[in-house]
């Protein structure tokens, strides 16, 4: 009788191990996105205060990894630490770094001026949008429109490439979501971003 009871318990334990091994590592993804995005737009903004109604107040990452009050759910479940290893998220493959290099060059040569002028904004889906073309000099509009289209192709490619490079193509929507928030978090004061269906200025 005990043998029949032990079998389903073993099956549940095995399933738990598999689930733990494939969970989406959100904290690691956020750090990878920060590394990539800051490599494109430059150093982190100095002013990330939360008193101006900007995204820093509403988009701060929850701190779930502190030691204080931390619960070891794996130990409580009787699952060994080996099964609970946190996977790294890499953005250092040659293809990802090639995309980052292109985006950084494009951002500094063309797109940054559009953001500084208030013509461009970060969309909620992790792309760039021309939100007000009237703020661009007429002679520059075609070039910036083309740069936006090229950059959005690279953005979509990098979200896919990060997921594939880390062995989980199914993570692409989650990777895109994390990157979308990081573009806003790394935006400079005065840049525009989309949140809740409306445009806001950082």
Protein backbone atom coordinates (compact mmCIF):
# COMPACT_ATOMS: atom_id res chain seq x y z
CA UNK A 1 0.00 0.00 0.00
CA UNK A 2 2.81 2.42 0.90
CA UNK A 3 4.37 1.71 -2.50
CA UNK A 4 1.25 3.03 -4.29
CA UNK A 5 1.27 6.16 -2.12
CA UNK A 6 4.95 6.80 -2.73
CA UNK A 7 4.60 6.72 -6.53
CA UNK A 8 2.33 9.78 -6.90
CA UNK A 9 4.41 11.67 -4.34
CA UNK A 10 7.52 10.98 -6.38
CA UNK A 11 5.75 12.13 -9.53
CA UNK A 12 4.73 15.39 -7.85
CA UNK A 13 8.29 15.99 -6.67
CA UNK A 14 9.65 15.38 -10.16
CA UNK A 15 7.13 17.78 -11.64
CA UNK A 16 8.08 20.43 -9.07
CA UNK A 17 11.74 20.11 -10.05
CA UNK A 18 10.96 20.58 -13.72
CA UNK A 19 8.81 23.65 -13.00
CA UNK A 20 11.55 25.27 -10.95
CA UNK A 21 14.15 24.66 -13.65
CA UNK A 22 12.20 26.52 -16.36
CA UNK A 23 10.74 29.49 -14.45
CA UNK A 24 11.34 32.94 -15.94
CA UNK A 25 14.22 34.62 -14.03
CA UNK A 26 12.73 38.10 -13.82
CA UNK A 27 15.46 39.71 -11.71
CA UNK A 28 18.20 38.42 -14.00
CA UNK A 29 16.24 39.55 -17.07
CA UNK A 30 15.91 43.05 -15.60
CA UNK A 31 19.64 43.26 -15.00
CA UNK A 32 20.39 42.02 -18.53
CA UNK A 33 17.96 44.57 -19.98
CA UNK A 34 19.55 47.35 -17.92
CA UNK A 35 23.00 46.39 -19.21
CA UNK A 36 21.82 46.36 -22.82
CA UNK A 37 19.73 49.55 -22.68
CA UNK A 38 22.38 51.60 -20.92
CA UNK A 39 24.84 50.44 -23.56
CA UNK A 40 22.54 52.05 -26.14
CA UNK A 41 21.43 55.30 -24.48
CA UNK A 42 24.54 55.87 -22.35
CA UNK A 43 25.05 56.02 -18.61
CA UNK A 44 22.12 55.85 -16.20
CA UNK A 45 20.31 59.17 -15.71
CA UNK A 46 21.50 61.03 -12.64
CA UNK A 47 18.02 62.20 -11.72
CA UNK A 48 15.75 59.26 -11.01
CA UNK A 49 13.76 60.94 -8.27
CA UNK A 50 10.22 59.79 -7.61
CA UNK A 51 8.71 63.11 -6.57
CA UNK A 52 7.97 64.50 -10.04
CA UNK A 53 5.31 62.05 -11.12
CA UNK A 54 7.77 60.41 -13.53
CA UNK A 55 8.04 56.69 -14.14
CA UNK A 56 10.52 56.12 -11.33
CA UNK A 57 7.65 56.19 -8.87
CA UNK A 58 5.42 53.80 -10.76
CA UNK A 59 8.00 51.57 -12.44
CA UNK A 60 10.35 50.81 -9.59
CA UNK A 61 11.21 47.14 -9.50
CA UNK A 62 9.93 45.27 -6.45
CA UNK A 63 12.71 44.12 -4.17
CA UNK A 64 11.98 40.46 -3.69
CA UNK A 65 15.52 39.26 -3.23
CA UNK A 66 16.45 40.80 0.13
CA UNK A 67 17.62 38.53 2.91
CA UNK A 68 15.28 40.08 5.45
CA UNK A 69 12.01 38.21 5.56
CA UNK A 70 13.11 35.86 2.80
CA UNK A 71 11.32 32.53 2.77
CA UNK A 72 13.12 29.50 1.40
CA UNK A 73 10.17 27.89 -0.36
CA UNK A 74 12.43 25.27 -1.90
CA UNK A 75 13.55 24.06 1.53
CA UNK A 76 9.98 24.04 2.81
CA UNK A 77 8.98 21.90 -0.16
CA UNK A 78 11.85 19.53 0.47
CA UNK A 79 13.48 20.31 -2.87
CA UNK A 80 17.26 20.36 -3.02
CA UNK A 81 19.13 23.60 -3.69
CA UNK A 82 20.59 22.14 -6.88
CA UNK A 83 17.16 22.26 -8.49
CA UNK A 84 16.62 25.88 -7.49
CA UNK A 85 19.64 27.41 -9.22
CA UNK A 86 18.90 30.78 -10.79
CA UNK A 87 19.85 30.86 -14.48
CA UNK A 88 21.78 33.80 -15.85
CA UNK A 89 20.38 35.84 -18.73
CA UNK A 90 23.13 36.74 -21.14
CA UNK A 91 23.15 39.63 -23.60
CA UNK A 92 26.77 39.06 -24.55
CA UNK A 93 26.46 36.85 -27.62
CA UNK A 94 28.05 38.18 -30.84
CA UNK A 95 24.67 38.66 -32.54
CA UNK A 96 23.16 40.54 -29.57
CA UNK A 97 26.20 42.76 -29.19
CA UNK A 98 26.17 43.51 -32.93
CA UNK A 99 22.56 44.71 -32.61
CA UNK A 100 23.45 46.75 -29.53
CA UNK A 101 26.32 48.41 -31.40
CA UNK A 102 24.07 49.36 -34.31
CA UNK A 103 21.41 50.72 -31.99
CA UNK A 104 23.91 52.76 -29.97
CA UNK A 105 25.37 54.33 -33.10
CA UNK A 106 21.91 55.10 -34.49
CA UNK A 107 20.72 56.51 -31.17
CA UNK A 108 23.64 58.88 -30.80
CA UNK A 109 23.72 59.98 -34.44
CA UNK A 110 19.98 60.45 -35.02
CA UNK A 111 17.45 59.35 -32.43
CA UNK A 112 18.75 61.14 -29.35
CA UNK A 113 18.02 64.52 -30.95
CA UNK A 114 14.43 63.41 -31.58
CA UNK A 115 13.98 62.42 -27.94
CA UNK A 116 15.58 65.65 -26.72
CA UNK A 117 13.21 67.65 -28.94
CA UNK A 118 10.16 65.78 -27.64
CA UNK A 119 9.36 64.37 -31.07
CA UNK A 120 9.99 60.73 -30.18
CA UNK A 121 8.77 58.57 -27.32
CA UNK A 122 9.17 55.07 -25.92
CA UNK A 123 6.03 53.04 -26.65
CA UNK A 124 4.59 50.59 -24.13
CA UNK A 125 5.58 47.63 -26.32
CA UNK A 126 9.31 48.40 -26.27
CA UNK A 127 9.45 50.23 -29.59
CA UNK A 128 9.96 53.90 -30.53
CA UNK A 129 7.14 56.09 -31.83
CA UNK A 130 7.20 59.44 -33.61
CA UNK A 131 4.73 61.18 -31.32
CA UNK A 132 5.08 64.74 -32.65
CA UNK A 133 6.83 65.18 -36.01
CA UNK A 134 6.23 68.95 -35.88
CA UNK A 135 9.02 69.22 -33.31
CA UNK A 136 11.54 68.00 -35.89
CA UNK A 137 13.22 70.25 -38.48
CA UNK A 138 11.64 69.55 -41.84
CA UNK A 139 14.98 68.56 -43.35
CA UNK A 140 15.50 65.89 -40.64
CA UNK A 141 12.08 64.25 -40.63
CA UNK A 142 12.68 61.64 -43.32
CA UNK A 143 15.99 60.55 -41.79
CA UNK A 144 14.51 60.22 -38.31
CA UNK A 145 11.46 58.33 -39.60
CA UNK A 146 13.81 55.88 -41.33
CA UNK A 147 15.98 55.57 -38.20
CA UNK A 148 12.90 54.82 -36.10
CA UNK A 149 11.82 52.06 -38.50
CA UNK A 150 15.30 50.52 -38.51
CA UNK A 151 15.59 50.75 -34.74
CA UNK A 152 12.24 49.06 -34.20
CA UNK A 153 13.35 46.18 -36.41
CA UNK A 154 16.47 45.83 -34.28
CA UNK A 155 14.46 46.04 -31.06
CA UNK A 156 12.16 43.22 -32.11
CA UNK A 157 15.16 41.21 -33.26
CA UNK A 158 17.01 41.63 -29.97
CA UNK A 159 14.03 40.57 -27.85
CA UNK A 160 13.78 37.41 -29.91
CA UNK A 161 17.56 36.87 -29.91
CA UNK A 162 17.87 37.23 -26.13
CA UNK A 163 15.17 34.62 -25.59
CA UNK A 164 16.70 32.22 -28.12
CA UNK A 165 20.27 32.76 -26.93
CA UNK A 166 19.20 31.79 -23.41
CA UNK A 167 17.52 28.59 -24.57
CA UNK A 168 13.89 29.66 -24.09
CA UNK A 169 12.27 31.14 -27.22
CA UNK A 170 8.95 31.12 -25.34
CA UNK A 171 10.33 33.85 -23.08
CA UNK A 172 10.27 36.44 -25.90
CA UNK A 173 7.06 38.22 -24.70
CA UNK A 174 8.44 38.42 -21.16
CA UNK A 175 11.80 39.68 -22.43
CA UNK A 176 10.03 42.35 -24.47
CA UNK A 177 8.01 43.45 -21.44
CA UNK A 178 11.12 43.75 -19.26
CA UNK A 179 12.98 45.71 -21.93
CA UNK A 180 10.00 48.01 -22.49
CA UNK A 181 10.07 49.02 -18.84
CA UNK A 182 13.85 49.43 -18.87
CA UNK A 183 13.78 51.85 -21.82
CA UNK A 184 11.54 54.08 -19.72
CA UNK A 185 13.61 53.62 -16.58
CA UNK A 186 16.76 54.67 -18.48
CA UNK A 187 15.11 57.65 -20.19
CA UNK A 188 16.49 61.12 -19.56
CA UNK A 189 14.54 63.94 -17.97
CA UNK A 190 12.21 65.48 -20.54
CA UNK A 191 11.88 62.38 -22.70
CA UNK A 192 8.40 61.00 -23.43
CA UNK A 193 7.08 57.51 -22.73
CA UNK A 194 3.78 55.71 -23.02
CA UNK A 195 2.00 54.42 -19.94
CA UNK A 196 -1.59 53.37 -19.46
CA UNK A 197 -2.48 54.37 -23.01
CA UNK A 198 -1.31 57.97 -22.64
CA UNK A 199 1.92 59.90 -23.12
CA UNK A 200 3.87 61.16 -20.14
CA UNK A 201 7.06 63.15 -19.84
CA UNK A 202 9.82 62.08 -17.52
